[in-house]
Protein backbone atom coordinates (compact mmCIF):
# COMPACT_ATOMS: atom_id res chain seq x y z
CA MET A 1 -73.30 -2.33 0.82
CA LYS A 2 -73.48 -3.19 -2.88
CA ILE A 3 -73.63 -0.41 -5.45
CA ALA A 4 -74.86 -0.88 -9.01
CA ARG A 5 -74.55 1.39 -12.01
CA PHE A 6 -77.47 0.90 -14.33
CA THR A 7 -79.64 2.27 -17.09
CA HIS A 8 -83.38 2.75 -16.65
CA HIS A 9 -85.56 4.38 -19.30
CA ASP A 10 -82.37 5.51 -21.08
CA ASP A 11 -81.05 7.27 -17.96
CA ILE A 12 -77.79 6.15 -16.31
CA ALA A 13 -77.94 6.09 -12.51
CA TYR A 14 -76.41 4.50 -9.41
CA GLY A 15 -78.24 2.58 -6.71
CA VAL A 16 -77.80 0.64 -3.48
CA LEU A 17 -78.87 -2.98 -3.78
CA ASP A 18 -81.72 -3.82 -1.39
CA GLY A 19 -83.09 -7.28 -2.06
CA GLU A 20 -84.67 -7.27 -5.52
CA GLU A 21 -84.64 -3.48 -5.71
CA LEU A 22 -82.17 -0.63 -6.12
CA VAL A 23 -82.41 2.49 -3.95
CA VAL A 24 -81.43 5.24 -6.39
CA LEU A 25 -78.52 7.52 -5.42
CA ARG A 26 -78.40 11.21 -6.30
CA SER A 27 -75.11 10.91 -8.19
CA ASP A 28 -71.92 8.90 -8.63
CA PRO A 29 -71.06 7.77 -5.07
CA LEU A 30 -67.35 7.88 -5.83
CA PHE A 31 -67.56 11.67 -5.91
CA ALA A 32 -70.88 12.55 -4.26
CA GLY A 33 -71.37 10.07 -1.41
CA PHE A 34 -74.37 7.86 -0.74
CA GLU A 35 -77.27 10.30 -0.51
CA THR A 36 -80.39 8.70 -1.95
CA THR A 37 -83.29 10.16 -3.89
CA GLY A 38 -85.82 8.00 -2.06
CA ARG A 39 -86.82 6.41 -5.35
CA ARG A 40 -86.66 2.65 -5.88
CA VAL A 41 -86.51 0.58 -9.06
CA ARG A 42 -86.77 -3.15 -9.49
CA LEU A 43 -83.68 -5.05 -10.60
CA ASP A 44 -85.76 -6.74 -13.28
CA ASP A 45 -86.52 -3.34 -14.81
CA VAL A 46 -82.93 -2.12 -15.26
CA ARG A 47 -79.86 -3.09 -17.25
CA LEU A 48 -76.69 -3.31 -15.19
CA LEU A 49 -73.62 -1.50 -16.50
CA SER A 50 -69.99 -1.76 -15.45
CA PRO A 51 -70.05 -0.40 -11.87
CA VAL A 52 -67.24 2.01 -12.70
CA ILE A 53 -65.68 3.49 -15.84
CA PRO A 54 -62.09 4.31 -14.90
CA ARG A 55 -61.44 8.01 -15.49
CA SER A 56 -57.78 7.29 -16.10
CA LYS A 57 -56.69 3.65 -16.33
CA VAL A 58 -56.96 0.01 -15.42
CA VAL A 59 -53.79 -1.50 -13.97
CA GLY A 60 -53.39 -5.23 -14.54
CA ILE A 61 -51.21 -7.54 -12.47
CA GLY A 62 -49.73 -10.62 -14.11
CA LYS A 63 -48.78 -13.96 -12.55
CA ASN A 64 -49.98 -13.15 -9.02
CA TYR A 65 -50.96 -16.78 -8.31
CA ALA A 66 -48.11 -19.31 -8.26
CA ASP A 67 -50.20 -22.01 -9.97
CA HIS A 68 -51.03 -19.67 -12.84
CA ALA A 69 -47.37 -18.70 -13.26
CA ALA A 70 -46.56 -22.42 -13.44
CA GLU A 71 -49.19 -23.15 -16.10
CA MET A 72 -47.75 -20.28 -18.16
CA ASN A 73 -44.27 -21.85 -17.83
CA SER A 74 -43.05 -18.81 -15.90
CA GLN A 75 -41.22 -18.31 -12.65
CA VAL A 76 -42.97 -16.71 -9.69
CA PRO A 77 -42.18 -12.98 -9.98
CA SER A 78 -40.07 -11.31 -7.31
CA GLU A 79 -42.16 -8.14 -7.58
CA PRO A 80 -45.59 -7.42 -9.10
CA LEU A 81 -45.74 -7.57 -12.88
CA MET A 82 -47.93 -4.62 -13.87
CA PHE A 83 -49.38 -3.52 -17.19
CA PHE A 84 -51.99 -1.01 -18.34
CA ILE A 85 -55.40 -1.51 -19.96
CA PRO A 86 -57.22 1.44 -21.59
CA ASN A 87 -60.60 2.39 -20.16
CA THR A 88 -62.08 1.81 -23.63
CA ALA A 89 -61.66 -1.93 -22.98
CA VAL A 90 -64.21 -1.85 -20.13
CA ILE A 91 -67.66 -3.40 -20.61
CA GLY A 92 -70.38 -4.43 -18.17
CA PRO A 93 -72.50 -7.47 -17.34
CA ASP A 94 -74.07 -9.22 -20.33
CA ASP A 95 -72.17 -7.04 -22.81
CA PRO A 96 -70.54 -9.21 -25.50
CA ILE A 97 -66.84 -9.99 -25.49
CA VAL A 98 -65.91 -9.44 -29.14
CA LEU A 99 -63.06 -11.71 -30.22
CA PRO A 100 -60.49 -9.73 -32.21
CA PRO A 101 -59.98 -10.85 -35.83
CA TRP A 102 -56.19 -10.79 -35.50
CA ASP A 103 -55.91 -13.51 -32.81
CA ASP A 104 -57.37 -17.02 -32.74
CA VAL A 105 -56.55 -17.88 -29.11
CA ILE A 106 -58.48 -15.79 -26.57
CA HIS A 107 -58.46 -16.75 -22.89
CA HIS A 108 -60.65 -15.92 -19.90
CA GLU A 109 -59.06 -14.75 -16.62
CA ALA A 110 -61.34 -14.34 -13.58
CA GLU A 111 -60.06 -11.78 -11.08
CA LEU A 112 -60.91 -9.64 -8.08
CA ALA A 113 -60.73 -5.94 -8.97
CA VAL A 114 -60.04 -3.02 -6.63
CA VAL A 115 -61.47 0.47 -7.26
CA ILE A 116 -59.46 3.44 -5.97
CA SER A 117 -61.21 6.19 -3.99
CA ARG A 118 -58.91 9.23 -4.23
CA PRO A 119 -55.73 10.54 -5.83
CA CYS A 120 -52.76 8.77 -4.29
CA LYS A 121 -49.03 8.24 -4.75
CA ASP A 122 -46.44 6.28 -2.74
CA VAL A 123 -49.02 4.67 -0.45
CA PRO A 124 -47.47 2.61 2.38
CA VAL A 125 -48.74 -0.97 2.68
CA GLN A 126 -50.22 -0.28 6.10
CA ARG A 127 -52.31 2.61 4.73
CA ALA A 128 -53.49 0.99 1.50
CA HIS A 129 -56.98 0.42 2.89
CA GLU A 130 -57.44 4.20 3.06
CA VAL A 131 -57.50 4.53 -0.75
CA ILE A 132 -59.88 1.64 -1.55
CA PHE A 133 -63.39 2.63 -2.56
CA GLY A 134 -64.67 -0.84 -3.32
CA TYR A 135 -64.30 -4.20 -5.02
CA THR A 136 -65.82 -5.81 -8.08
CA VAL A 137 -65.32 -8.81 -10.39
CA ALA A 138 -63.21 -8.65 -13.54
CA ASN A 139 -62.45 -10.83 -16.53
CA ASP A 140 -59.00 -9.94 -17.88
CA VAL A 141 -59.68 -11.32 -21.36
CA SER A 142 -56.36 -11.98 -23.09
CA ALA A 143 -55.32 -12.47 -26.71
CA ARG A 144 -52.76 -15.15 -26.04
CA THR A 145 -51.01 -15.36 -29.44
CA ALA A 146 -50.36 -11.62 -29.40
CA GLN A 147 -49.25 -11.79 -25.79
CA ARG A 148 -46.59 -14.34 -26.70
CA SER A 149 -45.43 -12.67 -29.91
CA ASP A 150 -45.47 -8.96 -29.03
CA THR A 151 -42.81 -7.25 -26.93
CA THR A 152 -45.51 -5.58 -24.80
CA TRP A 153 -48.95 -6.72 -23.68
CA ALA A 154 -50.79 -3.63 -24.96
CA ARG A 155 -52.51 -5.41 -27.85
CA ALA A 156 -53.13 -8.67 -25.99
CA LYS A 157 -54.75 -7.01 -22.99
CA GLY A 158 -56.13 -3.74 -24.33
CA PHE A 159 -58.49 -4.49 -27.20
CA ASP A 160 -62.09 -3.27 -27.01
CA THR A 161 -64.35 -5.42 -24.74
CA SER A 162 -61.34 -7.14 -23.11
CA CYS A 163 -62.12 -5.91 -19.59
CA PRO A 164 -65.59 -6.85 -18.33
CA LEU A 165 -66.34 -5.45 -14.84
CA GLY A 166 -69.33 -6.09 -12.57
CA PRO A 167 -71.96 -6.90 -11.62
CA VAL A 168 -71.82 -4.58 -8.60
CA LEU A 169 -69.34 -2.72 -6.43
CA VAL A 170 -68.93 -3.87 -2.82
CA ILE A 171 -68.08 -1.09 -0.36
CA PRO A 172 -65.68 -2.62 2.19
CA GLU A 173 -66.71 -0.74 5.34
CA SER A 174 -70.27 -2.03 5.09
CA ALA A 175 -69.75 -5.56 3.74
CA GLU A 176 -69.24 -7.90 6.66
CA GLU A 177 -69.83 -10.95 4.46
CA PHE A 178 -66.96 -10.06 2.11
CA ASP A 179 -63.29 -10.51 2.98
CA PRO A 180 -61.08 -9.54 0.02
CA ALA A 181 -58.13 -11.45 1.48
CA HIS A 182 -60.11 -14.73 1.68
CA ALA A 183 -62.59 -14.71 -1.20
CA ASP A 184 -63.30 -17.61 -3.53
CA VAL A 185 -62.73 -16.85 -7.22
CA ARG A 186 -64.25 -18.97 -10.00
CA CYS A 187 -64.70 -18.95 -13.75
CA LEU A 188 -67.24 -21.05 -15.62
CA VAL A 189 -67.66 -21.40 -19.38
CA ASP A 190 -71.11 -22.66 -20.39
CA GLY A 191 -71.49 -23.95 -16.82
CA GLU A 192 -68.18 -25.85 -16.74
CA VAL A 193 -65.84 -24.79 -13.94
CA ARG A 194 -62.51 -23.70 -15.43
CA GLN A 195 -60.91 -21.74 -12.58
CA GLU A 196 -61.37 -22.10 -8.83
CA ALA A 197 -59.13 -20.59 -6.15
CA ASN A 198 -59.08 -18.20 -3.21
CA THR A 199 -57.56 -14.73 -2.98
CA SER A 200 -55.52 -15.96 -0.01
CA ASP A 201 -53.42 -17.76 -2.66
CA MET A 202 -52.17 -14.46 -4.10
CA ILE A 203 -48.40 -13.97 -4.13
CA PHE A 204 -48.75 -10.24 -3.44
CA SER A 205 -51.61 -9.04 -1.25
CA ILE A 206 -53.93 -6.21 -2.20
CA PRO A 207 -52.16 -3.71 0.11
CA GLU A 208 -48.81 -4.76 -1.38
CA LEU A 209 -50.16 -4.28 -4.91
CA ILE A 210 -51.51 -0.81 -4.13
CA SER A 211 -48.22 0.20 -2.54
CA TYR A 212 -46.21 -1.11 -5.48
CA VAL A 213 -48.39 0.44 -8.19
CA THR A 214 -48.39 3.84 -6.47
CA SER A 215 -44.61 3.70 -6.19
CA VAL A 216 -44.62 3.68 -10.00
CA CYS A 217 -47.49 6.02 -10.89
CA SER A 218 -50.26 8.06 -9.35
CA LEU A 219 -53.71 6.54 -9.08
CA LEU A 220 -56.88 8.60 -9.50
CA PRO A 221 -60.45 8.15 -8.24
CA GLY A 222 -62.11 5.36 -10.20
CA ASP A 223 -58.88 3.75 -11.33
CA VAL A 224 -59.04 -0.04 -11.15
CA ILE A 225 -56.39 -2.59 -10.18
CA LEU A 226 -56.90 -6.15 -11.39
CA THR A 227 -55.26 -8.40 -8.82
CA GLY A 228 -54.30 -11.38 -10.98
CA THR A 229 -55.89 -14.67 -12.01
CA PRO A 230 -55.46 -18.24 -10.71
CA ALA A 231 -54.68 -21.36 -12.72
CA GLY A 232 -57.16 -22.80 -15.17
CA VAL A 233 -57.18 -20.11 -17.85
CA GLY A 234 -58.48 -21.41 -21.13
CA GLU A 235 -59.86 -20.57 -24.53
CA ILE A 236 -63.24 -18.95 -25.10
CA ARG A 237 -65.09 -19.26 -28.41
CA HIS A 238 -67.93 -17.69 -30.33
CA GLY A 239 -71.33 -18.60 -28.86
CA GLU A 240 -70.10 -19.43 -25.36
CA ARG A 241 -71.00 -17.65 -22.11
CA VAL A 242 -68.32 -16.84 -19.56
CA ALA A 243 -69.19 -16.37 -15.88
CA CYS A 244 -66.62 -14.97 -13.46
CA GLU A 245 -67.46 -15.08 -9.76
CA VAL A 246 -66.03 -13.67 -6.55
CA ALA A 247 -67.80 -14.85 -3.41
CA GLY A 248 -69.47 -11.97 -1.61
CA ILE A 249 -69.68 -9.81 -4.75
CA GLY A 250 -71.54 -11.80 -7.37
CA GLU A 251 -71.34 -13.24 -10.86
CA LEU A 252 -70.20 -11.37 -13.97
CA THR A 253 -71.52 -13.04 -17.12
CA ASN A 254 -70.73 -12.16 -20.74
CA PRO A 255 -71.50 -13.81 -24.08
CA VAL A 256 -68.64 -14.34 -26.53
CA ILE A 257 -68.99 -13.38 -30.17
CA ARG A 258 -66.78 -13.10 -33.24
CA ARG A 259 -67.86 -10.58 -35.85
């Protein structure tokens, strides 16, 4: 099952993807389940939004692919490297990534994102699947000069529009074609492939990430964990279009602008 959050005639709604249509849900499925209204709208008639707006936080994971750690001249971490992104950084499909005026080197980072279903703390690895609501695609846009110069990553990772999410949310129990542990991840800039890997290359698995993060802090419904990016990160510039893909979920595309 694929869930979209969208706007139609100025109303924000949720729907289940069914071919070229969306079956409209009564409310946010994260809190109200999957009861439908019976109404259908065509995909061509709606504008897709980020499938979730985290109520609390986005948790990023750095250097979770060995080849990416190597290209950043870093050692493979012995435990997950986590950081926080404010929910104000989140945008949806086709929303512009606005390059910040204080950094001239902005990179794309295609990632698989995990959406949390319920409040949780100290989740064992073997029970991590119980707190997953769904999966989506993320672009962890990073201001690289600030990341290298600042003592924290707050500015580099947290500026407005730095966290595109979308295009839809895949619900794991009903998505036989999607295996989060063996999903291809790609990033293309103006059609040129920049990143290409598989989630099986992760250093720390999704259950291990959930267990580690919840050993540090509580997670709330709608919180998002970005699971890390593979090698091939590179600069994005004004006028380009960035497409991040995870097989079985879809393609998240955003234009890049500098104001």
